[in-house]
Structures are given as structure tokens and as C-alpha cells.
């Protein structure tokens, strides 16, 4: 851990103390660097896909211009042709060959190949075809069960390595860190690269007799977040820090470039800010809690109690960004979605270059988010009044 003060106090007090300490440091830095350049708007969409999605979790532009799209809520993967408005399914929900559960992010490998994270395994694509499955017991999959964050052209994958939850209740991310690792896909070698701050959250884990696996659920307080990182095709690695808010770069040769703190407008969590936050999470706050029905009966009351922390426990200041959400641009910069606030409610992204300098701020309309880039395009998801998402393609830069 980079700041030894995070390790003081008892286990319970650490959760509160660390959040408060992060808030104070962010707040002090924010107060000294108010403002920022006005955001620029994206150019108008050149194409929009007439297809409904529930939650787009990954996109990957293929060499022929088609787009792979994963939807984690609908548990489906499709290949989309904007020109012909054709959307064709790839594989199906399940545990067998060419099947998947909870398909999430997808990242470009060499040529037209792609890796898709799907629950506890990886699916490898060649174009729009699933050609192989990397099983849960693969060392790379096992080491990065917490998630991948892109790949380079040599077949190396950047992963997020943390200790697997063990049966019981544990506060994680309070007194420890996550680790960035490189998984050399061809040789299965795993290299440790750097430490990153984890999201402070409470884990509930239990053994599932039906599957023989350890199942878990996690709950965090409002605005709780982690640091972020992503690997670029040319081997550069970006690490987005919280404290202070800045971007550190690692060259393929292992040299670190630590950018200066970035402009950070002050956003204290007032009652007005809490109301804005609750409005953003209104559907989640009012949704029936049925995801805990598969947990042991003795854990369910504690699970539901911990879930309320998202709407009852607030830090002193709004963090600059939320979790693993940055996206790499084709030029090698990184775009970071800033946390919306009552004063800046619409989506704003910071674009940061490899010197760690803010090059511009990008503004989107309400309900929009950047989901990925192509060679000369940026892909944006737009949510409609029914909560469904639609995908559009815009010129970039």
C-alpha cells in the first residue's frame, strides 16, 4: 500500500478511516485545482444500429468494419453490421463449447482475434467465430479472476489479481491492494507489474454444493471505487491513480512516467449531491433484491443490510472517476469518465496523453457513455426512456 496511514486502526475502523482519508486528500487537492477546460462535443453519428441492448459490456471492431458486441445482462454476443443493419448471434448462453455466461469486456489480440471474458473463463474469437475456450483452471484465468484490462499485440494480457474470497465475511480493499499482472498467453508466464488501490467493499462468500465452487457477493458504500489500468497494443500501460488523481505510464521497457496531478474540481458530498446520486441509482435502489436468493439463508439478512450501504454511507468528497471504466484511444491516449455531479450531471471524459497531461475534456449527452473505439471511430451507447441501450458510431478524432 502506498500510504501507510491506510493501515492504522482496527479492521472495522480501517474501512471508515481510509474512506475519510481519501476524501480529505482528494478534497484538499480539488480545492487547489478548481475548474478545467470546457468539454468539447463529439461529432454527429455516422451510423446508428437499430437494435436494443440491455447493458453493452464490450465492443470490438473487426477488420471488415463489423462490430462484436457483448451484452452482460442479456447474456448474448452478436456481430453487427451498421451498413446493412444486420445483427447475428454468436454462440449462446450455457457452459459448453461456443457457450458463455455473463459475457463482459472483449479486447483485441493480434490481427482479427479477440478475447472475451465470460464468467470464469475466456473465449477466443477469430473474426466473428469462437475458435477456442480457455478454461477456469488455466493459470492465467485463475490469476485474473477479478478481470482483464486489455491486451497488447504480442498476446500479453493485463489482469487484475486479488486474493479469492474464502467462505465467510471479509472487508476487502481496506488494508490491502490489488496487483496488476501481465499474463504471457503463449508461455503462461505471469509477471507482477504494480500495486493498485482496490474498492473498499464487504465480501460474502460461501460454498455452492451444486457446483462445487465458491460463490460470492460484494457490497460497497456510495462512491466507493478502485484505481484503474489498461494495456495498449504497443505494450504501454496506463495506471489511473486516485490519490492524487493522475495517470502513470509504463513503457514496454519498464520505465515509469508519472504524470502531474490533473485538474480536479471540488465536489463535496452535500445533501444536494446525495440526492443527485440517489436519482442516478434510482432503479437500482428500488429494484427487488432477488440476487441473494441463491445465497445460504443465514447470510441473506447480512447481504441485504450491506447492500444498503450504497445508499446510506457517503464519503466527504466525490471521487474523480468510478472504477474500471477508462478506455484507450487509437492514438494511444486514455479517456477517463469523470464521476457525474450535481453541477456537472452529463457525462464528461478526460483525455490524457502519455506525458500524463490533460489534452481535452469530452462531453456527451445525458444517458450516453463511450463503450469503445475502432481505427477511426468511437462507439457510444445511448440509453432511452425505457432503459434500453442503442449503439452509434461517431468519427474520431
Protein backbone atom coordinates (compact mmCIF):
# COMPACT_ATOMS: atom_id res chain seq x y z
CA UNK A 1 0.00 0.00 0.00
CA UNK A 2 1.42 3.38 -0.96
CA UNK A 3 0.14 5.26 2.07
CA UNK A 4 0.97 3.68 5.44
CA UNK A 5 -1.74 5.69 7.15
CA UNK A 6 -4.29 3.42 5.49
CA UNK A 7 -3.09 0.57 7.71
CA UNK A 8 -3.83 2.20 11.08
CA UNK A 9 -6.72 1.29 13.36
CA UNK A 10 -8.73 -1.85 13.73
CA UNK A 11 -10.18 -3.81 10.83
CA UNK A 12 -13.60 -2.18 11.21
CA UNK A 13 -12.23 1.32 11.66
CA UNK A 14 -9.98 0.97 8.65
CA UNK A 15 -12.96 0.88 6.33
CA UNK A 16 -14.21 4.22 7.61
CA UNK A 17 -10.78 5.73 8.22
CA UNK A 18 -9.43 5.02 4.79
CA UNK A 19 -12.51 6.38 3.04
CA UNK A 20 -12.28 9.53 5.13
CA UNK A 21 -8.57 9.90 4.44
CA UNK A 22 -9.05 9.50 0.69
CA UNK A 23 -11.86 12.07 0.85
CA UNK A 24 -9.70 14.59 2.70
CA UNK A 25 -6.75 14.22 0.33
CA UNK A 26 -8.98 14.43 -2.72
CA UNK A 27 -10.75 17.43 -1.26
CA UNK A 28 -7.54 19.31 -0.47
CA UNK A 29 -6.18 18.66 -3.92
CA UNK A 30 -9.51 19.59 -5.51
CA UNK A 31 -9.70 22.86 -3.66
CA UNK A 32 -6.34 23.87 -5.09
CA UNK A 33 -7.21 22.98 -8.70
CA UNK A 34 -10.72 24.07 -9.47
CA UNK A 35 -12.18 24.24 -12.92
CA UNK A 36 -10.85 22.73 -16.15
CA UNK A 37 -11.21 23.27 -19.86
CA UNK A 38 -14.78 23.37 -21.21
CA UNK A 39 -15.70 19.98 -22.71
CA UNK A 40 -15.82 19.52 -26.48
CA UNK A 41 -18.67 17.58 -28.06
CA UNK A 42 -18.35 14.57 -30.33
CA UNK A 43 -19.20 15.00 -33.98
CA UNK A 44 -22.58 13.68 -35.12
CA UNK A 45 -23.02 9.92 -35.50
CA UNK A 46 -22.31 8.48 -38.94
CA UNK A 47 -24.36 5.34 -38.18
CA UNK A 48 -26.74 4.05 -35.52
CA UNK A 49 -27.65 0.42 -35.01
CA UNK A 50 -31.37 -0.33 -34.84
CA UNK A 51 -31.02 -2.95 -32.14
CA UNK A 52 -31.95 -2.90 -28.46
CA UNK A 53 -29.43 -3.88 -25.81
CA UNK A 54 -29.87 -4.04 -22.05
CA UNK A 55 -26.26 -3.43 -20.96
CA UNK A 56 -23.45 -3.28 -23.51
CA UNK A 57 -20.39 -4.68 -21.78
CA UNK A 58 -17.90 -4.84 -24.65
CA UNK A 59 -17.31 -3.96 -28.30
CA UNK A 60 -14.59 -4.94 -30.76
CA UNK A 61 -14.28 -3.54 -34.28
CA UNK A 62 -13.26 -6.17 -36.84
CA UNK A 63 -11.10 -5.62 -39.92
CA UNK A 64 -14.12 -5.70 -42.25
CA UNK A 65 -15.92 -2.93 -40.27
CA UNK A 66 -18.36 -5.18 -38.43
CA UNK A 67 -18.57 -4.97 -34.68
CA UNK A 68 -18.61 -7.65 -31.99
CA UNK A 69 -20.95 -6.62 -29.15
CA UNK A 70 -21.48 -8.33 -25.80
CA UNK A 71 -24.48 -7.73 -23.51
CA UNK A 72 -23.83 -8.90 -19.97
CA UNK A 73 -27.45 -8.63 -18.81
CA UNK A 74 -28.99 -10.46 -21.77
CA UNK A 75 -26.06 -12.90 -21.82
CA UNK A 76 -25.58 -12.69 -25.55
CA UNK A 77 -22.82 -11.87 -28.04
CA UNK A 78 -23.58 -10.64 -31.56
CA UNK A 79 -21.78 -9.41 -34.64
CA UNK A 80 -23.34 -6.21 -36.00
CA UNK A 81 -23.18 -4.69 -39.48
CA UNK A 82 -24.09 -0.99 -39.31
CA UNK A 83 -24.38 -0.64 -43.10
CA UNK A 84 -26.84 -3.49 -43.56
CA UNK A 85 -28.41 -3.23 -40.09
CA UNK A 86 -27.77 -6.94 -39.58
CA UNK A 87 -27.26 -8.35 -36.10
CA UNK A 88 -26.36 -12.03 -35.89
CA UNK A 89 -25.88 -14.06 -32.68
CA UNK A 90 -22.59 -15.78 -31.91
CA UNK A 91 -22.72 -18.79 -29.62
CA UNK A 92 -25.33 -19.00 -26.89
CA UNK A 93 -25.86 -18.99 -23.14
CA UNK A 94 -24.50 -22.06 -21.38
CA UNK A 95 -21.39 -23.87 -20.16
CA UNK A 96 -20.48 -25.94 -23.22
CA UNK A 97 -18.41 -25.27 -26.36
CA UNK A 98 -19.25 -21.92 -28.00
CA UNK A 99 -21.33 -21.07 -24.91
CA UNK A 100 -20.88 -18.47 -22.21
CA UNK A 101 -22.37 -16.87 -19.13
CA UNK A 102 -22.22 -13.17 -18.27
CA UNK A 103 -20.13 -12.13 -21.29
CA UNK A 104 -18.39 -8.90 -20.31
CA UNK A 105 -15.45 -7.00 -21.78
CA UNK A 106 -13.73 -8.01 -25.01
CA UNK A 107 -10.24 -6.99 -26.03
CA UNK A 108 -8.29 -7.08 -29.28
CA UNK A 109 -5.49 -9.60 -29.64
CA UNK A 110 -3.24 -9.91 -32.67
CA UNK A 111 -4.86 -9.44 -36.09
CA UNK A 112 -8.59 -10.05 -36.06
CA UNK A 113 -8.60 -12.20 -32.92
CA UNK A 114 -10.36 -11.21 -29.70
CA UNK A 115 -10.54 -12.39 -26.10
CA UNK A 116 -13.91 -12.22 -24.31
CA UNK A 117 -14.24 -12.50 -20.55
CA UNK A 118 -17.22 -14.70 -19.71
CA UNK A 119 -17.72 -15.53 -16.05
CA UNK A 120 -14.82 -17.80 -15.05
CA UNK A 121 -13.28 -18.43 -18.47
CA UNK A 122 -12.07 -16.72 -21.64
CA UNK A 123 -13.43 -17.20 -25.14
CA UNK A 124 -11.06 -16.61 -28.08
CA UNK A 125 -12.55 -15.32 -31.34
CA UNK A 126 -11.15 -15.28 -34.87
CA UNK A 127 -13.23 -12.64 -36.59
CA UNK A 128 -16.84 -13.43 -35.64
CA UNK A 129 -16.20 -17.09 -34.80
CA UNK A 130 -15.43 -18.62 -31.40
CA UNK A 131 -12.37 -20.79 -32.02
CA UNK A 132 -11.28 -21.82 -28.51
CA UNK A 133 -12.13 -21.62 -24.83
CA UNK A 134 -9.60 -21.03 -22.06
CA UNK A 135 -10.96 -22.92 -19.01
CA UNK A 136 -11.17 -21.72 -15.39
CA UNK A 137 -8.22 -23.85 -14.29
CA UNK A 138 -5.86 -22.16 -16.75
CA UNK A 139 -3.19 -20.31 -14.69
CA UNK A 140 -3.90 -17.01 -16.46
CA UNK A 141 -7.66 -17.24 -15.93
CA UNK A 142 -7.22 -18.30 -12.31
CA UNK A 143 -4.79 -15.45 -11.60
CA UNK A 144 -7.03 -12.76 -13.14
CA UNK A 145 -10.47 -13.88 -11.99
CA UNK A 146 -11.09 -10.26 -10.92
CA UNK A 147 -10.80 -9.11 -14.53
CA UNK A 148 -8.66 -8.34 -17.58
CA UNK A 149 -7.85 -4.82 -18.73
CA UNK A 150 -6.91 -5.08 -22.42
CA UNK A 151 -4.07 -6.81 -24.26
CA UNK A 152 -1.11 -5.96 -26.45
CA UNK A 153 -0.22 -7.10 -29.96
CA UNK A 154 2.24 -9.67 -28.60
CA UNK A 155 -0.51 -11.61 -26.85
CA UNK A 156 0.16 -10.31 -23.35
CA UNK A 157 -2.89 -9.58 -21.22
CA UNK A 158 -3.07 -7.12 -18.32
CA UNK A 159 -5.01 -8.54 -15.42
CA UNK A 160 -6.27 -7.58 -12.01
CA UNK A 161 -5.05 -10.07 -9.42
CA UNK A 162 -6.54 -10.21 -5.92
CA UNK A 163 -6.96 -12.96 -3.38
CA UNK A 164 -10.03 -15.07 -3.97
CA UNK A 165 -12.71 -14.70 -1.29
CA UNK A 166 -12.86 -17.56 1.19
CA UNK A 167 -16.13 -18.71 2.78
CA UNK A 168 -17.30 -16.17 5.32
CA UNK A 169 -17.49 -12.39 5.55
CA UNK A 170 -14.49 -10.18 4.87
CA UNK A 171 -13.79 -6.47 4.40
CA UNK A 172 -11.54 -6.31 1.32
CA UNK A 173 -9.74 -3.37 -0.22
CA UNK A 174 -9.47 -1.75 3.21
CA UNK A 175 -5.98 -2.76 4.27
CA UNK A 176 -4.64 -4.32 1.08
CA UNK A 177 -4.11 -3.64 -2.62
CA UNK A 178 -4.79 -5.31 -5.90
CA UNK A 179 -1.94 -6.25 -8.21
CA UNK A 180 -1.51 -5.58 -11.92
CA UNK A 181 -0.08 -8.64 -13.62
CA UNK A 182 0.89 -9.45 -17.20
CA UNK A 183 -0.18 -12.87 -18.43
CA UNK A 184 2.02 -14.09 -21.28
CA UNK A 185 -0.64 -16.05 -23.11
CA UNK A 186 1.68 -18.23 -25.16
CA UNK A 187 4.07 -19.20 -22.36
CA UNK A 188 1.60 -18.91 -19.43
CA UNK A 189 4.21 -16.83 -17.56
CA UNK A 190 2.78 -14.33 -15.07
CA UNK A 191 4.68 -11.15 -14.16
CA UNK A 192 3.77 -8.72 -11.38
CA UNK A 193 3.82 -5.09 -12.56
CA UNK A 194 2.40 -2.72 -9.93
CA UNK A 195 0.03 -2.30 -6.99
CA UNK A 196 -3.33 -0.53 -7.29
CA UNK A 197 -5.95 0.57 -4.78
CA UNK A 198 -8.94 -1.77 -4.57
CA UNK A 199 -12.55 -0.79 -3.98
CA UNK A 200 -13.29 -0.98 -0.23
CA UNK A 201 -16.13 -3.49 -0.03
CA UNK A 202 -17.55 -6.28 2.05
CA UNK A 203 -17.35 -9.77 0.56
CA UNK A 204 -19.75 -12.58 1.41
CA UNK A 205 -18.54 -15.97 0.20
CA UNK A 206 -19.97 -19.47 0.51
CA UNK A 207 -19.51 -22.94 -0.93
CA UNK A 208 -22.09 -23.91 -3.52
CA UNK A 209 -22.74 -27.67 -3.20
CA UNK A 210 -24.44 -27.77 -6.60
CA UNK A 211 -21.36 -26.62 -8.50
CA UNK A 212 -18.58 -27.32 -6.00
CA UNK A 213 -17.34 -23.74 -6.38
CA UNK A 214 -17.06 -20.76 -4.06
CA UNK A 215 -19.74 -18.16 -4.79
CA UNK A 216 -19.51 -14.60 -3.53
CA UNK A 217 -21.24 -11.24 -3.46
CA UNK A 218 -19.77 -7.84 -2.65
CA UNK A 219 -21.28 -4.61 -1.31
CA UNK A 220 -19.71 -1.17 -1.10
CA UNK A 221 -20.61 2.27 0.21
CA UNK A 222 -21.70 5.14 -2.03
CA UNK A 223 -18.99 6.35 -4.45
CA UNK A 224 -16.60 3.55 -3.38
CA UNK A 225 -14.16 2.97 -6.21
CA UNK A 226 -10.83 1.49 -7.25
CA UNK A 227 -7.93 2.71 -9.32
CA UNK A 228 -7.82 1.66 -12.97
CA UNK A 229 -5.30 0.43 -15.53
CA UNK A 230 -5.23 -0.64 -19.17
CA UNK A 231 -2.73 -2.16 -21.59
CA UNK A 232 -2.27 -0.77 -25.12
CA UNK A 233 -1.50 -2.74 -28.31
CA UNK A 234 2.06 -1.33 -28.42
CA UNK A 235 2.79 -2.54 -24.87
CA UNK A 236 2.35 0.74 -22.97
CA UNK A 237 0.41 0.51 -19.71
CA UNK A 238 -1.67 3.34 -18.21
CA UNK A 239 -2.44 3.37 -14.47
CA UNK A 240 -5.08 5.88 -13.33
CA UNK A 241 -4.49 6.90 -9.73
CA UNK A 242 -6.99 8.24 -7.22
CA UNK A 243 -4.74 9.91 -4.70
CA UNK A 244 -3.89 12.29 -6.25
CA UNK A 245 -5.85 11.99 -9.49
CA UNK A 246 -3.25 11.46 -12.22
CA UNK A 247 -2.12 8.97 -14.88
CA UNK A 248 1.11 7.00 -14.63
CA UNK A 249 2.52 5.33 -17.74
CA UNK A 250 4.79 2.30 -18.03
CA UNK A 251 6.74 1.90 -21.27
CA UNK A 252 7.26 -1.55 -22.84
CA UNK A 253 10.82 -1.38 -21.45
CA UNK A 254 9.58 -0.95 -17.89
CA UNK A 255 10.25 2.78 -17.43
CA UNK A 256 7.61 4.71 -15.46
CA UNK A 257 6.36 8.18 -16.42
CA UNK A 258 4.40 9.74 -13.56
CA UNK A 259 2.09 12.49 -14.73
CA UNK A 260 1.37 15.55 -12.62
CA UNK A 261 -1.93 15.79 -10.70
CA UNK A 262 -4.81 16.56 -13.05
CA UNK A 263 -7.32 19.40 -12.60
CA UNK A 264 -9.95 18.23 -10.13
CA UNK A 265 -13.00 20.42 -9.41
CA UNK A 266 -14.11 20.28 -5.79
CA UNK A 267 -17.33 18.33 -5.26
CA UNK A 268 -18.27 17.97 -1.62
CA UNK A 269 -20.96 15.37 -0.90
CA UNK A 270 -23.71 17.69 0.29
CA UNK A 271 -27.39 16.78 0.67
CA UNK A 272 -27.87 18.05 -2.88
CA UNK A 273 -25.09 15.75 -4.10
CA UNK A 274 -26.61 12.81 -2.23
CA UNK A 275 -29.98 13.48 -3.84
CA UNK A 276 -28.35 13.60 -7.27
CA UNK A 277 -26.55 10.32 -6.59
CA UNK A 278 -29.77 8.66 -5.44
CA UNK A 279 -31.53 9.84 -8.58
CA UNK A 280 -28.80 8.26 -10.73
CA UNK A 281 -29.21 4.96 -8.87
CA UNK A 282 -32.99 5.16 -8.52
CA UNK A 283 -33.76 2.00 -10.47
CA UNK A 284 -31.16 0.00 -8.53
CA UNK A 285 -32.34 1.37 -5.20
CA UNK A 286 -35.96 0.44 -5.91
CA UNK A 287 -35.28 -2.89 -7.60
CA UNK A 288 -36.38 -6.05 -5.80
CA UNK A 289 -33.42 -7.73 -4.12
CA UNK A 290 -33.61 -11.19 -5.65
CA UNK A 291 -29.94 -11.77 -6.40
CA UNK A 292 -29.45 -13.03 -2.85
CA UNK A 293 -31.93 -15.90 -3.08
CA UNK A 294 -29.16 -18.30 -4.13
CA UNK A 295 -27.11 -17.47 -1.03
CA UNK A 296 -27.39 -19.51 2.18
CA UNK A 297 -30.36 -18.41 4.29
CA UNK A 298 -28.15 -17.42 7.22
CA UNK A 299 -26.24 -14.91 5.02
CA UNK A 300 -29.20 -13.21 3.35
CA UNK A 301 -30.05 -10.66 6.09
CA UNK A 302 -26.42 -9.52 6.26
CA UNK A 303 -26.22 -9.37 2.46
CA UNK A 304 -29.28 -7.14 2.24
CA UNK A 305 -28.06 -4.96 5.09
CA UNK A 306 -24.67 -4.49 3.42
CA UNK A 307 -26.32 -3.68 0.09
CA UNK A 308 -28.00 -0.65 1.68
CA UNK A 309 -24.57 0.92 2.24
CA UNK A 310 -24.62 2.14 -1.37
CA UNK A 311 -27.47 4.44 -0.42
CA UNK A 312 -26.69 5.27 3.22
CA UNK A 313 -22.90 5.64 3.64
CA UNK A 314 -21.30 8.59 1.84
CA UNK A 315 -17.73 9.97 1.71
CA UNK A 316 -16.91 13.65 2.20
CA UNK A 317 -15.96 14.27 -1.44
CA UNK A 318 -16.93 12.79 -4.81
CA UNK A 319 -14.06 10.71 -6.28
CA UNK A 320 -12.72 11.83 -9.67
CA UNK A 321 -13.75 8.65 -11.50
CA UNK A 322 -15.56 5.41 -10.80
CA UNK A 323 -13.77 2.10 -11.05
CA UNK A 324 -12.53 0.19 -14.07
CA UNK A 325 -14.00 2.38 -16.78
CA UNK A 326 -11.20 4.11 -18.73
CA UNK A 327 -10.88 3.40 -22.47
CA UNK A 328 -7.80 3.56 -24.77
CA UNK A 329 -7.91 5.76 -27.88
CA UNK A 330 -6.42 4.69 -31.23
CA UNK A 331 -3.64 7.29 -30.84
CA UNK A 332 -2.50 5.81 -27.54
CA UNK A 333 -4.15 8.25 -25.14
CA UNK A 334 -6.59 7.26 -22.40
CA UNK A 335 -10.09 8.65 -21.83
CA UNK A 336 -11.40 8.59 -18.27
CA UNK A 337 -15.09 9.05 -17.42
CA UNK A 338 -15.39 11.57 -14.62
CA UNK A 339 -17.91 10.93 -11.86
CA UNK A 340 -21.08 12.93 -12.63
CA UNK A 341 -22.02 15.54 -10.05
CA UNK A 342 -24.97 17.83 -9.42
CA UNK A 343 -23.04 20.69 -11.03
CA UNK A 344 -21.81 18.57 -13.97
CA UNK A 345 -24.56 15.97 -14.40
CA UNK A 346 -23.89 14.96 -18.00
CA UNK A 347 -21.04 12.58 -18.90
CA UNK A 348 -17.57 14.17 -19.20
CA UNK A 349 -14.39 12.31 -20.13
CA UNK A 350 -10.81 13.45 -19.53
CA UNK A 351 -8.40 12.61 -22.36
CA UNK A 352 -4.84 12.23 -21.06
CA UNK A 353 -1.71 11.78 -23.17
CA UNK A 354 1.41 9.72 -22.47
CA UNK A 355 3.07 12.58 -20.65
CA UNK A 356 0.20 12.50 -18.17
CA UNK A 357 -1.19 15.81 -19.44
CA UNK A 358 -4.88 16.57 -19.89
CA UNK A 359 -5.35 17.19 -23.62
CA UNK A 360 -9.10 17.86 -23.61
CA UNK A 361 -12.40 17.09 -21.96
CA UNK A 362 -15.11 15.35 -23.99
CA UNK A 363 -18.79 15.91 -23.25
CA UNK A 364 -21.64 13.52 -24.06
CA UNK A 365 -25.39 13.86 -23.77
CA UNK A 366 -27.28 12.53 -20.75
CA UNK A 367 -27.58 8.74 -20.85
CA UNK A 368 -24.58 8.26 -23.13
CA UNK A 369 -21.26 6.54 -22.48
CA UNK A 370 -18.20 5.60 -24.50
CA UNK A 371 -18.02 1.82 -24.95
CA UNK A 372 -15.03 1.53 -27.29
CA UNK A 373 -13.00 2.70 -30.28
CA UNK A 374 -12.22 1.47 -33.77
CA UNK A 375 -9.39 2.57 -36.04
CA UNK A 376 -11.11 5.84 -36.91
CA UNK A 377 -14.34 5.62 -34.93
CA UNK A 378 -15.68 5.96 -31.42
CA UNK A 379 -18.64 3.86 -30.29
CA UNK A 380 -21.23 5.34 -27.96
CA UNK A 381 -24.12 3.73 -26.10
CA UNK A 382 -27.26 5.82 -25.58
CA UNK A 383 -29.94 4.87 -23.08
CA UNK A 384 -33.58 5.55 -24.00
CA UNK A 385 -36.55 6.29 -21.73
CA UNK A 386 -37.23 2.55 -21.33
CA UNK A 387 -33.72 1.88 -20.09
CA UNK A 388 -32.62 0.15 -23.30
CA UNK A 389 -29.31 0.94 -24.96
CA UNK A 390 -28.59 1.74 -28.59
CA UNK A 391 -25.19 1.83 -30.28
CA UNK A 392 -23.91 4.61 -32.53
CA UNK A 393 -20.66 5.18 -34.39
CA UNK A 394 -19.02 8.62 -34.48
CA UNK A 395 -15.94 9.95 -36.30
CA UNK A 396 -12.71 10.03 -34.27
CA UNK A 397 -10.82 12.16 -33.54
